[in-house]
Amino acid sequence: MREGDSPFWERIESVFIEAIGCPGPDRAALLDERCADPRLRAEVESLLAAHDTSERFLDVVESCEQRDD
């Protein structure tokens, strides 16, 4: 990361944190509103996809553990 990119990454973090609490349609509207820069939106969407995938994985693991009990 270049030194000049710090505000950009801070913005990514801010939008990401705000977006993870939004359901699908609301999330899309939030990203439309907050991400005029396509680079910003792409980074946030990438983080959201990874976050959503990890949440589903953890749900599956938890479900398997409950069946074993």
N, C-alpha and C. Protein backbone atom coordinates (compact mmCIF):
# COMPACT_ATOMS: atom_id res chain seq x y z
N MET A 1 0.85 -1.17 0.00
CA MET A 1 0.00 0.00 0.00
C MET A 1 0.89 1.23 0.00
N ARG A 2 0.57 2.17 -0.85
CA ARG A 2 1.31 3.42 -0.89
C ARG A 2 0.79 4.34 0.20
N GLU A 3 1.66 5.24 0.65
CA GLU A 3 1.29 6.15 1.74
C GLU A 3 0.05 6.97 1.38
N GLY A 4 -0.07 7.41 0.15
CA GLY A 4 -1.21 8.22 -0.27
C GLY A 4 -2.52 7.46 -0.30
N ASP A 5 -2.46 6.14 -0.22
CA ASP A 5 -3.67 5.33 -0.28
C ASP A 5 -4.37 5.18 1.07
N SER A 6 -3.76 5.63 2.14
CA SER A 6 -4.34 5.43 3.46
C SER A 6 -5.78 5.94 3.58
N PRO A 7 -6.10 7.14 3.13
CA PRO A 7 -7.51 7.57 3.20
C PRO A 7 -8.44 6.67 2.39
N PHE A 8 -7.94 6.16 1.27
CA PHE A 8 -8.73 5.25 0.45
C PHE A 8 -9.06 3.99 1.23
N TRP A 9 -8.08 3.39 1.90
CA TRP A 9 -8.32 2.17 2.67
C TRP A 9 -9.17 2.44 3.90
N GLU A 10 -9.04 3.61 4.47
CA GLU A 10 -9.92 3.98 5.59
C GLU A 10 -11.37 4.06 5.11
N ARG A 11 -11.56 4.58 3.92
CA ARG A 11 -12.92 4.67 3.34
C ARG A 11 -13.46 3.27 3.07
N ILE A 12 -12.63 2.39 2.55
CA ILE A 12 -13.04 1.00 2.32
C ILE A 12 -13.52 0.39 3.63
N GLU A 13 -12.73 0.54 4.67
CA GLU A 13 -13.09 -0.02 5.96
C GLU A 13 -14.40 0.55 6.48
N SER A 14 -14.57 1.84 6.35
CA SER A 14 -15.79 2.50 6.82
C SER A 14 -17.03 1.98 6.11
N VAL A 15 -16.97 1.91 4.78
CA VAL A 15 -18.12 1.44 4.00
C VAL A 15 -18.37 -0.05 4.28
N PHE A 16 -17.31 -0.85 4.37
CA PHE A 16 -17.44 -2.27 4.65
C PHE A 16 -18.16 -2.50 5.97
N ILE A 17 -17.72 -1.82 7.01
CA ILE A 17 -18.32 -2.00 8.32
C ILE A 17 -19.79 -1.60 8.29
N GLU A 18 -20.10 -0.55 7.59
CA GLU A 18 -21.49 -0.13 7.47
C GLU A 18 -22.31 -1.15 6.68
N ALA A 19 -21.72 -1.71 5.64
CA ALA A 19 -22.45 -2.61 4.74
C ALA A 19 -22.68 -4.00 5.32
N ILE A 20 -21.81 -4.49 6.19
CA ILE A 20 -21.99 -5.86 6.66
C ILE A 20 -23.27 -6.04 7.47
N GLY A 21 -23.80 -4.96 8.00
CA GLY A 21 -25.04 -5.05 8.76
C GLY A 21 -26.29 -4.89 7.92
N CYS A 22 -26.13 -4.68 6.62
CA CYS A 22 -27.29 -4.46 5.74
C CYS A 22 -27.67 -5.73 4.99
N PRO A 23 -28.98 -6.02 4.92
CA PRO A 23 -29.43 -7.13 4.07
C PRO A 23 -29.23 -6.78 2.60
N GLY A 24 -29.30 -7.77 1.73
CA GLY A 24 -29.01 -7.64 0.31
C GLY A 24 -29.47 -6.38 -0.40
N PRO A 25 -30.78 -6.14 -0.50
CA PRO A 25 -31.24 -4.95 -1.24
C PRO A 25 -30.78 -3.65 -0.60
N ASP A 26 -30.78 -3.60 0.72
CA ASP A 26 -30.31 -2.39 1.41
C ASP A 26 -28.81 -2.21 1.20
N ARG A 27 -28.09 -3.33 1.16
CA ARG A 27 -26.64 -3.27 0.96
C ARG A 27 -26.33 -2.69 -0.41
N ALA A 28 -27.04 -3.14 -1.43
CA ALA A 28 -26.82 -2.63 -2.78
C ALA A 28 -27.09 -1.13 -2.85
N ALA A 29 -28.15 -0.69 -2.21
CA ALA A 29 -28.48 0.74 -2.20
C ALA A 29 -27.40 1.53 -1.46
N LEU A 30 -26.90 0.98 -0.36
CA LEU A 30 -25.84 1.64 0.39
C LEU A 30 -24.59 1.78 -0.47
N LEU A 31 -24.21 0.72 -1.17
CA LEU A 31 -23.03 0.77 -2.02
C LEU A 31 -23.22 1.76 -3.17
N ASP A 32 -24.43 1.80 -3.73
CA ASP A 32 -24.72 2.79 -4.78
C ASP A 32 -24.50 4.21 -4.25
N GLU A 33 -24.93 4.43 -3.03
CA GLU A 33 -24.83 5.76 -2.43
C GLU A 33 -23.41 6.12 -2.02
N ARG A 34 -22.68 5.17 -1.44
CA ARG A 34 -21.38 5.46 -0.84
C ARG A 34 -20.18 5.25 -1.76
N CYS A 35 -20.38 4.54 -2.87
CA CYS A 35 -19.23 4.15 -3.70
C CYS A 35 -19.30 4.73 -5.11
N ALA A 36 -19.05 6.02 -5.21
CA ALA A 36 -19.01 6.64 -6.53
C ALA A 36 -17.78 6.17 -7.31
N ASP A 37 -16.70 5.88 -6.59
CA ASP A 37 -15.46 5.40 -7.20
C ASP A 37 -15.58 3.90 -7.44
N PRO A 38 -15.49 3.45 -8.69
CA PRO A 38 -15.61 2.01 -8.97
C PRO A 38 -14.55 1.16 -8.26
N ARG A 39 -13.35 1.72 -8.05
CA ARG A 39 -12.31 0.98 -7.31
C ARG A 39 -12.75 0.73 -5.88
N LEU A 40 -13.34 1.74 -5.26
CA LEU A 40 -13.84 1.61 -3.89
C LEU A 40 -14.90 0.53 -3.82
N ARG A 41 -15.84 0.58 -4.73
CA ARG A 41 -16.92 -0.41 -4.72
C ARG A 41 -16.38 -1.82 -4.93
N ALA A 42 -15.45 -1.97 -5.85
CA ALA A 42 -14.88 -3.30 -6.12
C ALA A 42 -14.19 -3.87 -4.88
N GLU A 43 -13.44 -3.03 -4.18
CA GLU A 43 -12.75 -3.49 -2.97
C GLU A 43 -13.75 -3.87 -1.88
N VAL A 44 -14.76 -3.03 -1.68
CA VAL A 44 -15.76 -3.31 -0.64
C VAL A 44 -16.55 -4.57 -0.99
N GLU A 45 -16.95 -4.71 -2.25
CA GLU A 45 -17.69 -5.91 -2.65
C GLU A 45 -16.85 -7.17 -2.47
N SER A 46 -15.55 -7.08 -2.74
CA SER A 46 -14.67 -8.22 -2.54
C SER A 46 -14.61 -8.62 -1.06
N LEU A 47 -14.48 -7.64 -0.20
CA LEU A 47 -14.46 -7.92 1.24
C LEU A 47 -15.80 -8.49 1.72
N LEU A 48 -16.88 -7.94 1.21
CA LEU A 48 -18.21 -8.43 1.60
C LEU A 48 -18.42 -9.88 1.15
N ALA A 49 -17.97 -10.19 -0.05
CA ALA A 49 -18.10 -11.57 -0.55
C ALA A 49 -17.32 -12.54 0.34
N ALA A 50 -16.10 -12.15 0.71
CA ALA A 50 -15.29 -13.01 1.58
C ALA A 50 -15.95 -13.15 2.95
N HIS A 51 -16.48 -12.07 3.46
CA HIS A 51 -17.15 -12.08 4.76
C HIS A 51 -18.38 -12.99 4.72
N ASP A 52 -19.20 -12.85 3.69
CA ASP A 52 -20.41 -13.66 3.58
C ASP A 52 -20.08 -15.14 3.43
N THR A 53 -19.03 -15.45 2.67
CA THR A 53 -18.62 -16.84 2.50
C THR A 53 -18.15 -17.43 3.82
N SER A 54 -17.37 -16.68 4.56
CA SER A 54 -16.87 -17.19 5.84
C SER A 54 -18.01 -17.39 6.83
N GLU A 55 -19.01 -16.51 6.80
CA GLU A 55 -20.16 -16.67 7.70
C GLU A 55 -20.93 -17.95 7.37
N ARG A 56 -21.13 -18.22 6.08
CA ARG A 56 -21.84 -19.44 5.68
C ARG A 56 -21.04 -20.67 6.08
N PHE A 57 -19.73 -20.62 5.92
CA PHE A 57 -18.88 -21.74 6.30
C PHE A 57 -19.01 -22.01 7.79
N LEU A 58 -18.96 -20.98 8.60
CA LEU A 58 -19.07 -21.16 10.04
C LEU A 58 -20.44 -21.70 10.43
N ASP A 59 -21.48 -21.30 9.71
CA ASP A 59 -22.82 -21.84 9.98
C ASP A 59 -22.86 -23.34 9.71
N VAL A 60 -22.22 -23.78 8.64
CA VAL A 60 -22.18 -25.20 8.30
C VAL A 60 -21.42 -25.97 9.36
N VAL A 61 -20.28 -25.45 9.78
CA VAL A 61 -19.48 -26.11 10.82
C VAL A 61 -20.30 -26.24 12.09
N GLU A 62 -20.96 -25.19 12.49
CA GLU A 62 -21.77 -25.21 13.71
C GLU A 62 -22.90 -26.23 13.59
N SER A 63 -23.53 -26.29 12.43
CA SER A 63 -24.61 -27.24 12.21
C SER A 63 -24.10 -28.68 12.33
N CYS A 64 -22.93 -28.94 11.78
CA CYS A 64 -22.34 -30.29 11.86
C CYS A 64 -21.99 -30.65 13.30
N GLU A 65 -21.49 -29.69 14.03
CA GLU A 65 -21.13 -29.96 15.43
C GLU A 65 -22.38 -30.27 16.27
N GLN A 66 -23.47 -29.60 15.97
CA GLN A 66 -24.71 -29.84 16.73
C GLN A 66 -25.26 -31.22 16.43
N ARG A 67 -25.10 -31.70 15.19
CA ARG A 67 -25.58 -33.04 14.85
C ARG A 67 -24.78 -34.12 15.56
N ASP A 68 -23.50 -33.83 15.81
CA ASP A 68 -22.64 -34.81 16.46
C ASP A 68 -22.95 -34.96 17.96
N ASP A 69 -23.62 -33.98 18.53
CA ASP A 69 -23.92 -34.02 19.98
C ASP A 69 -25.04 -34.96 20.31
